[in-house]
C-alpha atoms as a PDB file:
ATOM      1  CA  MET A   1     -10.993 -40.930  -9.487  1.00  0.00           C
ATOM      2  CA  ALA A   2     -12.503 -37.454  -9.129  1.00  0.00           C
ATOM      3  CA  GLN A   3     -10.504 -34.864  -7.363  1.00  0.00           C
ATOM      4  CA  ASN A   4     -12.049 -32.535  -4.867  1.00  0.00           C
ATOM      5  CA  ALA A   5     -12.384 -29.059  -6.284  1.00  0.00           C
ATOM      6  CA  LYS A   6     -10.410 -26.352  -4.470  1.00  0.00           C
ATOM      7  CA  PRO A   7     -12.489 -23.393  -3.332  1.00  0.00           C
ATOM      8  CA  LEU A   8     -11.655 -20.180  -5.210  1.00  0.00           C
ATOM      9  CA  LYS A   9     -10.835 -17.009  -3.330  1.00  0.00           C
ATOM     10  CA  ALA A  10     -13.173 -14.132  -3.836  1.00  0.00           C
ATOM     11  CA  VAL A  11     -11.848 -11.515  -6.286  1.00  0.00           C
ATOM     12  CA  LEU A  12     -11.983  -8.781  -3.676  1.00  0.00           C
ATOM     13  CA  SER A  13      -9.887 -10.784  -1.229  1.00  0.00           C
ATOM     14  CA  TYR A  14      -6.767 -10.192  -3.308  1.00  0.00           C
ATOM     15  CA  PRO A  15      -4.916  -7.003  -2.573  1.00  0.00           C
ATOM     16  CA  ASN A  16      -5.635  -4.545  -5.397  1.00  0.00           C
ATOM     17  CA  LYS A  17      -4.971  -0.864  -5.097  1.00  0.00           C
ATOM     18  CA  THR A  18      -7.353   0.033  -7.899  1.00  0.00           C
ATOM     19  CA  ILE A  19     -10.345  -1.685  -6.367  1.00  0.00           C
ATOM     20  CA  ALA A  20      -9.496  -0.285  -2.964  1.00  0.00           C
ATOM     21  CA  LEU A  21      -9.243   3.254  -4.378  1.00  0.00           C
ATOM     22  CA  LEU A  22     -12.633   2.846  -6.127  1.00  0.00           C
ATOM     23  CA  CYS A  23     -14.284   1.543  -2.961  1.00  0.00           C
ATOM     24  CA  LEU A  24     -12.839   4.501  -1.071  1.00  0.00           C
ATOM     25  CA  GLN A  25     -14.208   6.948  -3.633  1.00  0.00           C
ATOM     26  CA  ILE A  26     -17.645   5.304  -3.581  1.00  0.00           C
ATOM     27  CA  ASN A  27     -17.707   5.458   0.208  1.00  0.00           C
ATOM     28  CA  GLN A  28     -16.776   9.170   0.141  1.00  0.00           C
ATOM     29  CA  GLN A  29     -19.478   9.931  -2.388  1.00  0.00           C
ATOM     30  CA  LEU A  30     -22.049   8.086  -0.339  1.00  0.00           C
ATOM     31  CA  ALA A  31     -21.020  10.017   2.783  1.00  0.00           C
ATOM     32  CA  ILE A  32     -21.307  13.295   0.996  1.00  0.00           C
ATOM     33  CA  LEU A  33     -24.730  12.296  -0.416  1.00  0.00           C
ATOM     34  CA  LYS A  34     -25.825  11.502   3.095  1.00  0.00           C
ATOM     35  CA  HIS A  35     -24.839  14.987   4.268  1.00  0.00           C
ATOM     36  CA  VAL A  36     -26.537  16.598   1.248  1.00  0.00           C
ATOM     37  CA  LYS A  37     -29.755  14.682   1.893  1.00  0.00           C
ATOM     38  CA  ALA A  38     -29.648  15.647   5.571  1.00  0.00           C
ATOM     39  CA  VAL A  39     -29.700  19.364   4.681  1.00  0.00           C
ATOM     40  CA  LEU A  40     -32.555  19.044   2.157  1.00  0.00           C
ATOM     41  CA  PRO A  41     -36.269  18.675   2.786  1.00  0.00           C
ATOM     42  CA  LYS A  42     -37.365  15.003   2.742  1.00  0.00           C
ATOM     43  CA  GLU A  43     -39.233  15.216  -0.601  1.00  0.00           C
ATOM     44  CA  LEU A  44     -36.338  16.928  -2.256  1.00  0.00           C
ATOM     45  CA  ALA A  45     -33.793  14.670  -0.678  1.00  0.00           C
ATOM     46  CA  ASN A  46     -35.388  11.636  -2.333  1.00  0.00           C
ATOM     47  CA  HIS A  47     -34.472  13.067  -5.724  1.00  0.00           C
ATOM     48  CA  ALA A  48     -30.825  13.773  -4.990  1.00  0.00           C
ATOM     49  CA  LEU A  49     -29.430  10.590  -6.484  1.00  0.00           C
ATOM     50  CA  HIS A  50     -25.622  10.960  -6.534  1.00  0.00           C
ATOM     51  CA  CYS A  51     -22.940  13.447  -5.431  1.00  0.00           C
ATOM     52  CA  VAL A  52     -19.459  13.657  -6.972  1.00  0.00           C
ATOM     53  CA  PHE A  53     -16.564  16.029  -6.533  1.00  0.00           C
ATOM     54  CA  ASN A  54     -14.927  17.246  -9.768  1.00  0.00           C
ATOM     55  CA  ASP A  55     -11.304  18.122  -8.888  1.00  0.00           C
ATOM     56  CA  LYS A  56     -10.036  19.075 -12.372  1.00  0.00           C
ATOM     57  CA  LYS A  57      -8.850  22.449 -11.096  1.00  0.00           C
ATOM     58  CA  LEU A  58      -7.380  22.691  -7.616  1.00  0.00           C
ATOM     59  CA  ASN A  59      -8.709  26.195  -7.007  1.00  0.00           C
ATOM     60  CA  ASN A  60     -12.114  25.474  -8.422  1.00  0.00           C
ATOM     61  CA  ARG A  61     -13.475  22.413  -6.671  1.00  0.00           C
ATOM     62  CA  LYS A  62     -16.911  21.569  -7.968  1.00  0.00           C
ATOM     63  CA  LEU A  63     -19.694  19.488  -6.371  1.00  0.00           C
ATOM     64  CA  LEU A  64     -21.898  17.737  -8.896  1.00  0.00           C
ATOM     65  CA  ILE A  65     -25.366  16.632  -7.698  1.00  0.00           C
ATOM     66  CA  TYR A  66     -27.350  14.339  -9.960  1.00  0.00           C
ATOM     67  CA  THR A  67     -31.118  14.245  -9.955  1.00  0.00           C
ATOM     68  CA  ASP A  68     -33.834  12.512 -11.947  1.00  0.00           C
ATOM     69  CA  SER A  69     -35.612  15.417 -13.565  1.00  0.00           C
ATOM     70  CA  ALA A  70     -35.287  19.050 -14.488  1.00  0.00           C
ATOM     71  CA  VAL A  71     -38.036  20.038 -12.005  1.00  0.00           C
ATOM     72  CA  TRP A  72     -36.116  18.670  -9.114  1.00  0.00           C
ATOM     73  CA  ALA A  73     -32.883  20.175 -10.465  1.00  0.00           C
ATOM     74  CA  SER A  74     -34.406  23.645 -10.367  1.00  0.00           C
ATOM     75  CA  GLN A  75     -35.593  23.034  -6.800  1.00  0.00           C
ATOM     76  CA  LEU A  76     -32.142  21.882  -5.762  1.00  0.00           C
ATOM     77  CA  ARG A  77     -30.605  25.077  -7.144  1.00  0.00           C
ATOM     78  CA  PHE A  78     -32.554  27.094  -4.566  1.00  0.00           C
ATOM     79  CA  TYR A  79     -30.587  25.237  -1.878  1.00  0.00           C
ATOM     80  CA  GLY A  80     -27.221  26.002  -3.477  1.00  0.00           C
ATOM     81  CA  LYS A  81     -25.653  28.139  -0.691  1.00  0.00           C
ATOM     82  CA  THR A  82     -27.044  25.822   2.032  1.00  0.00           C
ATOM     83  CA  LEU A  83     -25.577  22.782   0.331  1.00  0.00           C
ATOM     84  CA  LEU A  84     -22.181  24.409  -0.220  1.00  0.00           C
ATOM     85  CA  THR A  85     -22.074  25.457   3.490  1.00  0.00           C
ATOM     86  CA  ALA A  86     -23.032  21.968   4.646  1.00  0.00           C
ATOM     87  CA  ILE A  87     -20.415  20.291   2.474  1.00  0.00           C
ATOM     88  CA  GLU A  88     -17.620  22.736   3.498  1.00  0.00           C
ATOM     89  CA  SER A  89     -18.320  21.920   7.154  1.00  0.00           C
ATOM     90  CA  VAL A  90     -17.763  18.193   6.366  1.00  0.00           C
ATOM     91  CA  THR A  91     -14.799  18.321   3.976  1.00  0.00           C
ATOM     92  CA  SER A  92     -11.471  19.983   4.726  1.00  0.00           C
ATOM     93  CA  GLU A  93     -11.364  21.739   1.336  1.00  0.00           C
ATOM     94  CA  SER A  94     -13.644  24.483   0.154  1.00  0.00           C
ATOM     95  CA  VAL A  95     -16.134  23.865  -2.587  1.00  0.00           C
ATOM     96  CA  SER A  96     -16.603  26.849  -4.840  1.00  0.00           C
ATOM     97  CA  VAL A  97     -19.125  25.637  -7.380  1.00  0.00           C
ATOM     98  CA  LEU A  98     -22.297  23.581  -7.190  1.00  0.00           C
ATOM     99  CA  GLN A  99     -23.622  22.060 -10.388  1.00  0.00           C
ATOM    100  CA  ILE A 100     -26.854  20.119 -10.668  1.00  0.00           C
ATOM    101  CA  LYS A 101     -27.221  17.603 -13.496  1.00  0.00           C
ATOM    102  CA  VAL A 102     -30.166  15.524 -14.636  1.00  0.00           C
ATOM    103  CA  ILE A 103     -29.685  11.895 -15.431  1.00  0.00           C
ATOM    104  CA  ASN A 104     -32.115   9.413 -16.930  1.00  0.00           C
ATOM    105  CA  VAL A 105     -33.197   6.864 -14.478  1.00  0.00           C
ATOM    106  CA  PRO A 106     -34.273   3.647 -16.222  1.00  0.00           C
ATOM    107  CA  GLU A 107     -37.934   2.927 -15.612  1.00  0.00           C
ATOM    108  CA  THR A 108     -39.005  -0.447 -14.336  1.00  0.00           C
ATOM    109  CA  ALA A 109     -42.425  -1.926 -14.498  1.00  0.00           C
ATOM    110  CA  ASN A 110     -43.152  -0.808 -10.936  1.00  0.00           C
ATOM    111  CA  THR A 111     -42.111   2.842 -11.442  1.00  0.00           C
ATOM    112  CA  ARG A 112     -43.479   3.383 -14.883  1.00  0.00           C
ATOM    113  CA  LYS A 113     -46.461   5.664 -15.040  1.00  0.00           C
ATOM    114  CA  LYS A 114     -48.840   5.357 -17.916  1.00  0.00           C
ATOM    115  CA  CYS A 115     -49.395   8.678 -19.601  1.00  0.00           C
ATOM    116  CA  MET A 116     -53.030   8.752 -20.503  1.00  0.00           C
ATOM    117  CA  THR A 117     -54.359  11.732 -22.375  1.00  0.00           C
ATOM    118  CA  ALA A 118     -57.929  12.703 -21.559  1.00  0.00           C
ATOM    119  CA  ILE A 119     -59.792  13.032 -24.819  1.00  0.00           C
ATOM    120  CA  PRO A 120     -63.061  14.927 -24.518  1.00  0.00           C
ATOM    121  CA  SER A 121     -66.310  13.421 -25.539  1.00  0.00           C
ATOM    122  CA  GLN A 122     -67.706  13.807 -29.064  1.00  0.00           C
ATOM    123  CA  ALA A 123     -70.262  16.354 -27.746  1.00  0.00           C
ATOM    124  CA  VAL A 124     -67.454  18.611 -26.538  1.00  0.00           C
ATOM    125  CA  VAL A 125     -65.633  18.226 -29.839  1.00  0.00           C
ATOM    126  CA  ASP A 126     -68.826  19.125 -31.704  1.00  0.00           C
ATOM    127  CA  GLU A 127     -69.258  22.163 -29.414  1.00  0.00           C
ATOM    128  CA  ILE A 128     -65.733  23.375 -30.176  1.00  0.00           C
ATOM    129  CA  ASN A 129     -66.402  22.888 -33.905  1.00  0.00           C
ATOM    130  CA  SER A 130     -69.660  24.814 -33.794  1.00  0.00           C
ATOM    131  CA  PHE A 131     -68.028  27.618 -31.754  1.00  0.00           C
ATOM    132  CA  SER A 132     -65.277  27.916 -34.364  1.00  0.00           C
ATOM    133  CA  HIS A 133     -67.905  28.912 -36.944  1.00  0.00           C
ATOM    134  CA  THR A 134     -69.038  31.937 -34.820  1.00  0.00           C
ATOM    135  CA  VAL A 135     -65.539  33.366 -34.231  1.00  0.00           C
ATOM    136  CA  THR A 136     -64.587  36.366 -36.360  1.00  0.00           C
ATOM    137  CA  ASP A 137     -60.791  36.181 -35.744  1.00  0.00           C
ATOM    138  CA  THR A 138     -59.347  34.049 -38.595  1.00  0.00           C
ATOM    139  CA  LYS A 139     -56.403  32.683 -36.632  1.00  0.00           C
ATOM    140  CA  LEU A 140     -58.511  31.647 -33.699  1.00  0.00           C
ATOM    141  CA  LYS A 141     -61.148  30.172 -36.086  1.00  0.00           C
ATOM    142  CA  HIS A 142     -58.507  28.150 -37.904  1.00  0.00           C
ATOM    143  CA  SER A 143     -56.968  26.955 -34.578  1.00  0.00           C
ATOM    144  CA  LEU A 144     -60.312  25.862 -33.211  1.00  0.00           C
ATOM    145  CA  GLU A 145     -61.167  23.961 -36.417  1.00  0.00           C
ATOM    146  CA  GLN A 146     -57.827  22.140 -36.306  1.00  0.00           C
ATOM    147  CA  LEU A 147     -58.376  21.381 -32.609  1.00  0.00           C
ATOM    148  CA  SER A 148     -61.845  19.949 -33.213  1.00  0.00           C
ATOM    149  CA  SER A 149     -60.669  17.831 -36.148  1.00  0.00           C
ATOM    150  CA  THR A 150     -57.744  16.494 -34.209  1.00  0.00           C
ATOM    151  CA  LEU A 151     -59.878  15.633 -31.164  1.00  0.00           C
ATOM    152  CA  SER A 152     -62.480  14.062 -33.374  1.00  0.00           C
ATOM    153  CA  ARG A 153     -59.836  11.920 -35.038  1.00  0.00           C
ATOM    154  CA  LEU A 154     -58.398  10.866 -31.665  1.00  0.00           C
ATOM    155  CA  HIS A 155     -61.877  10.155 -30.276  1.00  0.00           C
ATOM    156  CA  ASN A 156     -62.723   7.928 -33.286  1.00  0.00           C
ATOM    157  CA  ARG A 157     -59.332   6.117 -32.989  1.00  0.00           C
ATOM    158  CA  ASN A 158     -59.860   5.259 -29.279  1.00  0.00           C
ATOM    159  CA  SER A 159     -63.475   4.152 -29.785  1.00  0.00           C
END
């Protein structure tokens, strides 16, 4: 005769200090990220992905903010003092350093943008080539000839 299977307890239902500590840290990071995003403009807040405290040195507490590109990282740096002030009002300890890091966000089929290069028509390529013959500067002449040959090759490959 078949015995009835006993239901298993969920893994998180067992008391585990490590899991509880990790959940606490994640919740703290999410709360700090929420405060950081509240201070930033909406467009910039969308690119602040994660916030983490780095407590390696007690006197030099560091806030790390992760973003998805170098462009947004440079924009976030302009808000450095504002972010530090906002975080110090939330936490009991002072934060002395703000560091912005770029992480690679994996692209999905929905977020992937196709990078299409606009190759000029053959008439434009011919015009660049004919213009290169009238230029007296040798470096410019050589550069225009190379440009016209590259564009011609790309135009033929895509046709």
